[in-house]
Amino acid sequence: MIKLLSEVAEVTGGHTFRTKAEAASGHVRLLQIKDIQEGILTDFSALPFADIQPEKLKINLQTNDILLPLRGERIPAMMIVNQQSTLVTT
């Protein structure tokens, strides 16, 4: 039986930034659509910081979250693994 994704998972969008999303430093890592590759994400150290305070986050990505980009020529899926820092996506 085919089910809607929303019937088996919580579906949310990324954070909307009104200005430049990246920051030189901070407490929140930023995962952008260009960073989503097929497979798993385990190395967060190369991701830039986001220009946002952790308490302002709508969504904090967690271990076992699955990311699907909303645009692009192909649609890879990426799973977050061993998440130990605050992480947001656009």
PDB file of N, CA and C in Angstrom:
ATOM      1  N   MET A   1       0.845  -1.185   0.000  1.00  0.00           N
ATOM      2  CA  MET A   1       0.000   0.000   0.000  1.00  0.00           C
ATOM      3  C   MET A   1       0.888   1.245   0.000  1.00  0.00           C
ATOM      4  N   ILE A   2       0.592   2.168  -0.848  1.00  0.00           N
ATOM      5  CA  ILE A   2       1.342   3.421  -0.941  1.00  0.00           C
ATOM      6  C   ILE A   2       0.802   4.399   0.094  1.00  0.00           C
ATOM      7  N   LYS A   3       1.729   5.051   0.798  1.00  0.00           N
ATOM      8  CA  LYS A   3       1.359   6.053   1.795  1.00  0.00           C
ATOM      9  C   LYS A   3       2.034   7.372   1.455  1.00  0.00           C
ATOM     10  N   LEU A   4       1.449   8.441   1.896  1.00  0.00           N
ATOM     11  CA  LEU A   4       2.074   9.751   1.778  1.00  0.00           C
ATOM     12  C   LEU A   4       3.237   9.840   2.755  1.00  0.00           C
ATOM     13  N   LEU A   5       4.270  10.573   2.380  1.00  0.00           N
ATOM     14  CA  LEU A   5       5.410  10.755   3.267  1.00  0.00           C
ATOM     15  C   LEU A   5       4.968  11.333   4.610  1.00  0.00           C
ATOM     16  N   SER A   6       4.026  12.251   4.576  1.00  0.00           N
ATOM     17  CA  SER A   6       3.548  12.885   5.809  1.00  0.00           C
ATOM     18  C   SER A   6       2.803  11.918   6.729  1.00  0.00           C
ATOM     19  N   GLU A   7       2.421  10.751   6.216  1.00  0.00           N
ATOM     20  CA  GLU A   7       1.761   9.747   7.047  1.00  0.00           C
ATOM     21  C   GLU A   7       2.760   8.914   7.853  1.00  0.00           C
ATOM     22  N   VAL A   8       4.010   8.893   7.426  1.00  0.00           N
ATOM     23  CA  VAL A   8       5.009   8.061   8.103  1.00  0.00           C
ATOM     24  C   VAL A   8       6.167   8.871   8.685  1.00  0.00           C
ATOM     25  N   ALA A   9       6.185  10.179   8.435  1.00  0.00           N
ATOM     26  CA  ALA A   9       7.288  11.017   8.912  1.00  0.00           C
ATOM     27  C   ALA A   9       6.795  12.440   9.145  1.00  0.00           C
ATOM     28  N   GLU A  10       7.530  13.163   9.973  1.00  0.00           N
ATOM     29  CA  GLU A  10       7.258  14.585  10.152  1.00  0.00           C
ATOM     30  C   GLU A  10       8.027  15.332   9.071  1.00  0.00           C
ATOM     31  N   VAL A  11       7.321  16.045   8.215  1.00  0.00           N
ATOM     32  CA  VAL A  11       7.934  16.752   7.094  1.00  0.00           C
ATOM     33  C   VAL A  11       8.001  18.237   7.438  1.00  0.00           C
ATOM     34  N   THR A  12       9.209  18.799   7.375  1.00  0.00           N
ATOM     35  CA  THR A  12       9.392  20.217   7.678  1.00  0.00           C
ATOM     36  C   THR A  12      10.296  20.848   6.628  1.00  0.00           C
ATOM     37  N   GLY A  13      10.242  22.146   6.535  1.00  0.00           N
ATOM     38  CA  GLY A  13      11.133  22.888   5.649  1.00  0.00           C
ATOM     39  C   GLY A  13      12.313  23.425   6.432  1.00  0.00           C
ATOM     40  N   GLY A  14      13.261  23.970   5.721  1.00  0.00           N
ATOM     41  CA  GLY A  14      14.443  24.543   6.360  1.00  0.00           C
ATOM     42  C   GLY A  14      14.169  25.929   6.911  1.00  0.00           C
ATOM     43  N   HIS A  15      15.180  26.520   7.504  1.00  0.00           N
ATOM     44  CA  HIS A  15      15.086  27.860   8.079  1.00  0.00           C
ATOM     45  C   HIS A  15      15.232  28.896   6.963  1.00  0.00           C
ATOM     46  N   THR A  16      14.435  29.937   7.005  1.00  0.00           N
ATOM     47  CA  THR A  16      14.522  31.020   6.035  1.00  0.00           C
ATOM     48  C   THR A  16      15.376  32.145   6.617  1.00  0.00           C
ATOM     49  N   PHE A  17      16.414  32.508   5.884  1.00  0.00           N
ATOM     50  CA  PHE A  17      17.287  33.608   6.301  1.00  0.00           C
ATOM     51  C   PHE A  17      16.953  34.835   5.466  1.00  0.00           C
ATOM     52  N   ARG A  18      16.767  35.982   6.095  1.00  0.00           N
ATOM     53  CA  ARG A  18      16.456  37.221   5.375  1.00  0.00           C
ATOM     54  C   ARG A  18      17.711  37.888   4.827  1.00  0.00           C
ATOM     55  N   THR A  19      18.848  37.555   5.396  1.00  0.00           N
ATOM     56  CA  THR A  19      20.130  38.076   4.929  1.00  0.00           C
ATOM     57  C   THR A  19      21.050  36.893   4.676  1.00  0.00           C
ATOM     58  N   LYS A  20      22.330  37.166   4.466  1.00  0.00           N
ATOM     59  CA  LYS A  20      23.288  36.090   4.230  1.00  0.00           C
ATOM     60  C   LYS A  20      23.229  35.081   5.373  1.00  0.00           C
ATOM     61  N   ALA A  21      23.143  33.805   5.016  1.00  0.00           N
ATOM     62  CA  ALA A  21      22.984  32.752   6.018  1.00  0.00           C
ATOM     63  C   ALA A  21      24.288  32.405   6.719  1.00  0.00           C
ATOM     64  N   GLU A  22      25.411  32.486   6.009  1.00  0.00           N
ATOM     65  CA  GLU A  22      26.693  32.057   6.568  1.00  0.00           C
ATOM     66  C   GLU A  22      27.303  33.112   7.485  1.00  0.00           C
ATOM     67  N   ALA A  23      28.017  32.631   8.501  1.00  0.00           N
ATOM     68  CA  ALA A  23      28.725  33.508   9.432  1.00  0.00           C
ATOM     69  C   ALA A  23      30.136  32.960   9.628  1.00  0.00           C
ATOM     70  N   ALA A  24      31.054  33.820  10.042  1.00  0.00           N
ATOM     71  CA  ALA A  24      32.450  33.410  10.245  1.00  0.00           C
ATOM     72  C   ALA A  24      32.605  32.476  11.442  1.00  0.00           C
ATOM     73  N   SER A  25      31.730  32.624  12.429  1.00  0.00           N
ATOM     74  CA  SER A  25      31.791  31.767  13.612  1.00  0.00           C
ATOM     75  C   SER A  25      30.394  31.671  14.205  1.00  0.00           C
ATOM     76  N   GLY A  26      30.252  30.849  15.209  1.00  0.00           N
ATOM     77  CA  GLY A  26      28.955  30.720  15.858  1.00  0.00           C
ATOM     78  C   GLY A  26      28.791  29.380  16.537  1.00  0.00           C
ATOM     79  N   HIS A  27      27.539  29.079  16.892  1.00  0.00           N
ATOM     80  CA  HIS A  27      27.224  27.841  17.606  1.00  0.00           C
ATOM     81  C   HIS A  27      26.354  26.907  16.779  1.00  0.00           C
ATOM     82  N   VAL A  28      25.922  27.353  15.599  1.00  0.00           N
ATOM     83  CA  VAL A  28      25.024  26.564  14.755  1.00  0.00           C
ATOM     84  C   VAL A  28      25.698  26.323  13.412  1.00  0.00           C
ATOM     85  N   ARG A  29      25.784  25.073  12.991  1.00  0.00           N
ATOM     86  CA  ARG A  29      26.325  24.743  11.667  1.00  0.00           C
ATOM     87  C   ARG A  29      25.205  24.852  10.639  1.00  0.00           C
ATOM     88  N   LEU A  30      25.576  25.219   9.405  1.00  0.00           N
ATOM     89  CA  LEU A  30      24.619  25.454   8.334  1.00  0.00           C
ATOM     90  C   LEU A  30      24.787  24.415   7.235  1.00  0.00           C
ATOM     91  N   LEU A  31      23.735  23.693   6.939  1.00  0.00           N
ATOM     92  CA  LEU A  31      23.720  22.712   5.865  1.00  0.00           C
ATOM     93  C   LEU A  31      22.851  23.275   4.749  1.00  0.00           C
ATOM     94  N   GLN A  32      23.453  23.532   3.581  1.00  0.00           N
ATOM     95  CA  GLN A  32      22.736  24.113   2.459  1.00  0.00           C
ATOM     96  C   GLN A  32      22.469  23.053   1.398  1.00  0.00           C
ATOM     97  N   ILE A  33      21.576  23.358   0.468  1.00  0.00           N
ATOM     98  CA  ILE A  33      21.195  22.398  -0.562  1.00  0.00           C
ATOM     99  C   ILE A  33      22.408  21.883  -1.330  1.00  0.00           C
ATOM    100  N   LYS A  34      23.413  22.723  -1.528  1.00  0.00           N
ATOM    101  CA  LYS A  34      24.620  22.303  -2.245  1.00  0.00           C
ATOM    102  C   LYS A  34      25.408  21.249  -1.472  1.00  0.00           C
ATOM    103  N   ASP A  35      25.172  21.151  -0.159  1.00  0.00           N
ATOM    104  CA  ASP A  35      25.879  20.188   0.684  1.00  0.00           C
ATOM    105  C   ASP A  35      25.209  18.816   0.719  1.00  0.00           C
ATOM    106  N   ILE A  36      23.989  18.730   0.218  1.00  0.00           N
ATOM    107  CA  ILE A  36      23.261  17.465   0.278  1.00  0.00           C
ATOM    108  C   ILE A  36      23.729  16.558  -0.845  1.00  0.00           C
ATOM    109  N   GLN A  37      24.328  15.464  -0.474  1.00  0.00           N
ATOM    110  CA  GLN A  37      24.813  14.445  -1.402  1.00  0.00           C
ATOM    111  C   GLN A  37      24.152  13.129  -1.021  1.00  0.00           C
ATOM    112  N   GLU A  38      24.064  12.225  -1.974  1.00  0.00           N
ATOM    113  CA  GLU A  38      23.461  10.928  -1.684  1.00  0.00           C
ATOM    114  C   GLU A  38      24.301  10.177  -0.654  1.00  0.00           C
ATOM    115  N   GLY A  39      23.680   9.638   0.351  1.00  0.00           N
ATOM    116  CA  GLY A  39      24.389   8.869   1.364  1.00  0.00           C
ATOM    117  C   GLY A  39      24.168   9.406   2.758  1.00  0.00           C
ATOM    118  N   ILE A  40      25.247   9.443   3.540  1.00  0.00           N
ATOM    119  CA  ILE A  40      25.144   9.894   4.923  1.00  0.00           C
ATOM    120  C   ILE A  40      26.086  11.065   5.173  1.00  0.00           C
ATOM    121  N   LEU A  41      25.744  11.881   6.144  1.00  0.00           N
ATOM    122  CA  LEU A  41      26.582  13.007   6.548  1.00  0.00           C
ATOM    123  C   LEU A  41      27.114  12.719   7.945  1.00  0.00           C
ATOM    124  N   THR A  42      28.430  12.605   8.054  1.00  0.00           N
ATOM    125  CA  THR A  42      29.045  12.336   9.353  1.00  0.00           C
ATOM    126  C   THR A  42      30.063  13.397   9.745  1.00  0.00           C
ATOM    127  N   ASP A  43      30.588  14.159   8.773  1.00  0.00           N
ATOM    128  CA  ASP A  43      31.617  15.164   9.061  1.00  0.00           C
ATOM    129  C   ASP A  43      31.013  16.555   8.958  1.00  0.00           C
ATOM    130  N   PHE A  44      30.790  17.163  10.091  1.00  0.00           N
ATOM    131  CA  PHE A  44      30.162  18.480  10.137  1.00  0.00           C
ATOM    132  C   PHE A  44      31.185  19.603  10.186  1.00  0.00           C
ATOM    133  N   SER A  45      32.453  19.273  10.362  1.00  0.00           N
ATOM    134  CA  SER A  45      33.490  20.283  10.564  1.00  0.00           C
ATOM    135  C   SER A  45      33.695  21.184   9.354  1.00  0.00           C
ATOM    136  N   ALA A  46      33.397  20.719   8.150  1.00  0.00           N
ATOM    137  CA  ALA A  46      33.585  21.528   6.948  1.00  0.00           C
ATOM    138  C   ALA A  46      32.400  22.455   6.677  1.00  0.00           C
ATOM    139  N   LEU A  47      31.296  22.255   7.380  1.00  0.00           N
ATOM    140  CA  LEU A  47      30.118  23.095   7.166  1.00  0.00           C
ATOM    141  C   LEU A  47      30.338  24.471   7.777  1.00  0.00           C
ATOM    142  N   PRO A  48      29.859  25.526   7.106  1.00  0.00           N
ATOM    143  CA  PRO A  48      29.998  26.872   7.675  1.00  0.00           C
ATOM    144  C   PRO A  48      29.060  27.049   8.867  1.00  0.00           C
ATOM    145  N   PHE A  49      29.271  28.124   9.592  1.00  0.00           N
ATOM    146  CA  PHE A  49      28.367  28.469  10.680  1.00  0.00           C
ATOM    147  C   PHE A  49      27.197  29.269  10.118  1.00  0.00           C
ATOM    148  N   ALA A  50      26.071  29.220  10.810  1.00  0.00           N
ATOM    149  CA  ALA A  50      24.881  29.976  10.424  1.00  0.00           C
ATOM    150  C   ALA A  50      24.797  31.239  11.264  1.00  0.00           C
ATOM    151  N   ASP A  51      24.293  32.300  10.650  1.00  0.00           N
ATOM    152  CA  ASP A  51      24.123  33.569  11.346  1.00  0.00           C
ATOM    153  C   ASP A  51      22.779  33.566  12.078  1.00  0.00           C
ATOM    154  N   ILE A  52      22.702  32.764  13.143  1.00  0.00           N
ATOM    155  CA  ILE A  52      21.468  32.655  13.926  1.00  0.00           C
ATOM    156  C   ILE A  52      21.815  32.176  15.336  1.00  0.00           C
ATOM    157  N   GLN A  53      21.055  32.627  16.289  1.00  0.00           N
ATOM    158  CA  GLN A  53      21.220  32.165  17.665  1.00  0.00           C
ATOM    159  C   GLN A  53      20.468  30.840  17.833  1.00  0.00           C
ATOM    160  N   PRO A  54      21.027  29.882  18.556  1.00  0.00           N
ATOM    161  CA  PRO A  54      20.376  28.572  18.710  1.00  0.00           C
ATOM    162  C   PRO A  54      18.932  28.650  19.210  1.00  0.00           C
ATOM    163  N   GLU A  55      18.633  29.589  20.090  1.00  0.00           N
ATOM    164  CA  GLU A  55      17.272  29.683  20.631  1.00  0.00           C
ATOM    165  C   GLU A  55      16.249  30.177  19.603  1.00  0.00           C
ATOM    166  N   LYS A  56      16.704  30.689  18.460  1.00  0.00           N
ATOM    167  CA  LYS A  56      15.809  31.179  17.406  1.00  0.00           C
ATOM    168  C   LYS A  56      15.467  30.098  16.372  1.00  0.00           C
ATOM    169  N   LEU A  57      16.073  28.929  16.492  1.00  0.00           N
ATOM    170  CA  LEU A  57      15.865  27.867  15.509  1.00  0.00           C
ATOM    171  C   LEU A  57      14.452  27.301  15.562  1.00  0.00           C
ATOM    172  N   LYS A  58      13.864  27.089  14.387  1.00  0.00           N
ATOM    173  CA  LYS A  58      12.590  26.381  14.293  1.00  0.00           C
ATOM    174  C   LYS A  58      12.843  24.877  14.317  1.00  0.00           C
ATOM    175  N   ILE A  59      13.892  24.456  13.623  1.00  0.00           N
ATOM    176  CA  ILE A  59      14.238  23.042  13.484  1.00  0.00           C
ATOM    177  C   ILE A  59      15.726  22.871  13.775  1.00  0.00           C
ATOM    178  N   ASN A  60      16.062  21.894  14.600  1.00  0.00           N
ATOM    179  CA  ASN A  60      17.453  21.515  14.833  1.00  0.00           C
ATOM    180  C   ASN A  60      17.590  20.092  14.313  1.00  0.00           C
ATOM    181  N   LEU A  61      18.369  19.900  13.252  1.00  0.00           N
ATOM    182  CA  LEU A  61      18.511  18.572  12.668  1.00  0.00           C
ATOM    183  C   LEU A  61      19.136  17.610  13.668  1.00  0.00           C
ATOM    184  N   GLN A  62      18.662  16.381  13.653  1.00  0.00           N
ATOM    185  CA  GLN A  62      19.084  15.363  14.609  1.00  0.00           C
ATOM    186  C   GLN A  62      19.615  14.131  13.888  1.00  0.00           C
ATOM    187  N   THR A  63      20.314  13.275  14.623  1.00  0.00           N
ATOM    188  CA  THR A  63      20.751  11.986  14.091  1.00  0.00           C
ATOM    189  C   THR A  63      19.537  11.222  13.563  1.00  0.00           C
ATOM    190  N   ASN A  64      19.705  10.601  12.415  1.00  0.00           N
ATOM    191  CA  ASN A  64      18.691   9.813  11.698  1.00  0.00           C
ATOM    192  C   ASN A  64      17.678  10.659  10.934  1.00  0.00           C
ATOM    193  N   ASP A  65      17.793  11.990  10.946  1.00  0.00           N
ATOM    194  CA  ASP A  65      16.962  12.813  10.070  1.00  0.00           C
ATOM    195  C   ASP A  65      17.374  12.541   8.631  1.00  0.00           C
ATOM    196  N   ILE A  66      16.414  12.570   7.731  1.00  0.00           N
ATOM    197  CA  ILE A  66      16.682  12.367   6.309  1.00  0.00           C
ATOM    198  C   ILE A  66      16.359  13.658   5.579  1.00  0.00           C
ATOM    199  N   LEU A  67      17.312  14.127   4.762  1.00  0.00           N
ATOM    200  CA  LEU A  67      17.152  15.374   4.019  1.00  0.00           C
ATOM    201  C   LEU A  67      16.878  15.080   2.560  1.00  0.00           C
ATOM    202  N   LEU A  68      15.889  15.769   2.007  1.00  0.00           N
ATOM    203  CA  LEU A  68      15.554  15.678   0.590  1.00  0.00           C
ATOM    204  C   LEU A  68      15.533  17.090   0.030  1.00  0.00           C
ATOM    205  N   PRO A  69      16.365  17.406  -0.956  1.00  0.00           N
ATOM    206  CA  PRO A  69      16.329  18.751  -1.542  1.00  0.00           C
ATOM    207  C   PRO A  69      15.039  18.943  -2.332  1.00  0.00           C
ATOM    208  N   LEU A  70      14.548  20.174  -2.350  1.00  0.00           N
ATOM    209  CA  LEU A  70      13.306  20.470  -3.052  1.00  0.00           C
ATOM    210  C   LEU A  70      13.509  20.850  -4.506  1.00  0.00           C
ATOM    211  N   ARG A  71      14.757  21.036  -4.918  1.00  0.00           N
ATOM    212  CA  ARG A  71      15.003  21.410  -6.307  1.00  0.00           C
ATOM    213  C   ARG A  71      16.304  20.768  -6.775  1.00  0.00           C
ATOM    214  N   GLY A  72      16.500  20.800  -8.086  1.00  0.00           N
ATOM    215  CA  GLY A  72      17.705  20.209  -8.659  1.00  0.00           C
ATOM    216  C   GLY A  72      17.347  19.174  -9.709  1.00  0.00           C
ATOM    217  N   GLU A  73      18.341  18.748 -10.460  1.00  0.00           N
ATOM    218  CA  GLU A  73      18.107  17.800 -11.538  1.00  0.00           C
ATOM    219  C   GLU A  73      17.856  16.388 -11.032  1.00  0.00           C
ATOM    220  N   ARG A  74      18.531  16.019  -9.966  1.00  0.00           N
ATOM    221  CA  ARG A  74      18.269  14.710  -9.385  1.00  0.00           C
ATOM    222  C   ARG A  74      18.001  14.903  -7.905  1.00  0.00           C
ATOM    223  N   ILE A  75      17.382  13.948  -7.305  1.00  0.00           N
ATOM    224  CA  ILE A  75      16.996  14.128  -5.919  1.00  0.00           C
ATOM    225  C   ILE A  75      17.690  13.091  -5.045  1.00  0.00           C
ATOM    226  N   PRO A  76      18.899  13.414  -4.560  1.00  0.00           N
ATOM    227  CA  PRO A  76      19.571  12.506  -3.637  1.00  0.00           C
ATOM    228  C   PRO A  76      18.964  12.652  -2.241  1.00  0.00           C
ATOM    229  N   ALA A  77      19.128  11.661  -1.434  1.00  0.00           N
ATOM    230  CA  ALA A  77      18.707  11.735  -0.034  1.00  0.00           C
ATOM    231  C   ALA A  77      19.941  11.589   0.834  1.00  0.00           C
ATOM    232  N   MET A  78      19.969  12.304   1.941  1.00  0.00           N
ATOM    233  CA  MET A  78      21.105  12.239   2.859  1.00  0.00           C
ATOM    234  C   MET A  78      20.575  12.035   4.271  1.00  0.00           C
ATOM    235  N   MET A  79      21.201  11.138   5.011  1.00  0.00           N
ATOM    236  CA  MET A  79      20.828  10.904   6.399  1.00  0.00           C
ATOM    237  C   MET A  79      21.896  11.489   7.317  1.00  0.00           C
ATOM    238  N   ILE A  80      21.456  12.141   8.374  1.00  0.00           N
ATOM    239  CA  ILE A  80      22.355  12.707   9.372  1.00  0.00           C
ATOM    240  C   ILE A  80      22.758  11.590  10.343  1.00  0.00           C
ATOM    241  N   VAL A  81      24.054  11.430  10.572  1.00  0.00           N
ATOM    242  CA  VAL A  81      24.551  10.389  11.475  1.00  0.00           C
ATOM    243  C   VAL A  81      25.531  11.014  12.470  1.00  0.00           C
ATOM    244  N   ASN A  82      25.459  10.592  13.707  1.00  0.00           N
ATOM    245  CA  ASN A  82      26.360  11.054  14.775  1.00  0.00           C
ATOM    246  C   ASN A  82      26.331  12.565  14.965  1.00  0.00           C
ATOM    247  N   GLN A  83      25.156  13.135  14.949  1.00  0.00           N
ATOM    248  CA  GLN A  83      24.987  14.571  15.115  1.00  0.00           C
ATOM    249  C   GLN A  83      25.295  14.961  16.551  1.00  0.00           C
ATOM    250  N   GLN A  84      26.270  15.841  16.746  1.00  0.00           N
ATOM    251  CA  GLN A  84      26.650  16.255  18.093  1.00  0.00           C
ATOM    252  C   GLN A  84      26.641  17.765  18.277  1.00  0.00           C
ATOM    253  N   SER A  85      26.363  18.510  17.208  1.00  0.00           N
ATOM    254  CA  SER A  85      26.295  19.962  17.333  1.00  0.00           C
ATOM    255  C   SER A  85      24.965  20.439  16.777  1.00  0.00           C
ATOM    256  N   THR A  86      24.622  21.685  17.038  1.00  0.00           N
ATOM    257  CA  THR A  86      23.391  22.250  16.521  1.00  0.00           C
ATOM    258  C   THR A  86      23.536  22.447  15.025  1.00  0.00           C
ATOM    259  N   LEU A  87      22.549  21.996  14.256  1.00  0.00           N
ATOM    260  CA  LEU A  87      22.624  22.007  12.798  1.00  0.00           C
ATOM    261  C   LEU A  87      21.298  22.461  12.220  1.00  0.00           C
ATOM    262  N   VAL A  88      21.348  23.397  11.269  1.00  0.00           N
ATOM    263  CA  VAL A  88      20.152  23.913  10.618  1.00  0.00           C
ATOM    264  C   VAL A  88      20.349  23.825   9.117  1.00  0.00           C
ATOM    265  N   THR A  89      19.257  23.724   8.374  1.00  0.00           N
ATOM    266  CA  THR A  89      19.321  23.737   6.921  1.00  0.00           C
ATOM    267  C   THR A  89      18.449  24.860   6.381  1.00  0.00           C
ATOM    268  N   THR A  90      18.802  25.324   5.176  1.00  0.00           N
ATOM    269  CA  THR A  90      18.013  26.380   4.536  1.00  0.00           C
ATOM    270  C   THR A  90      16.932  25.761   3.696  1.00  0.00           C
TER     271      THR A  90
END
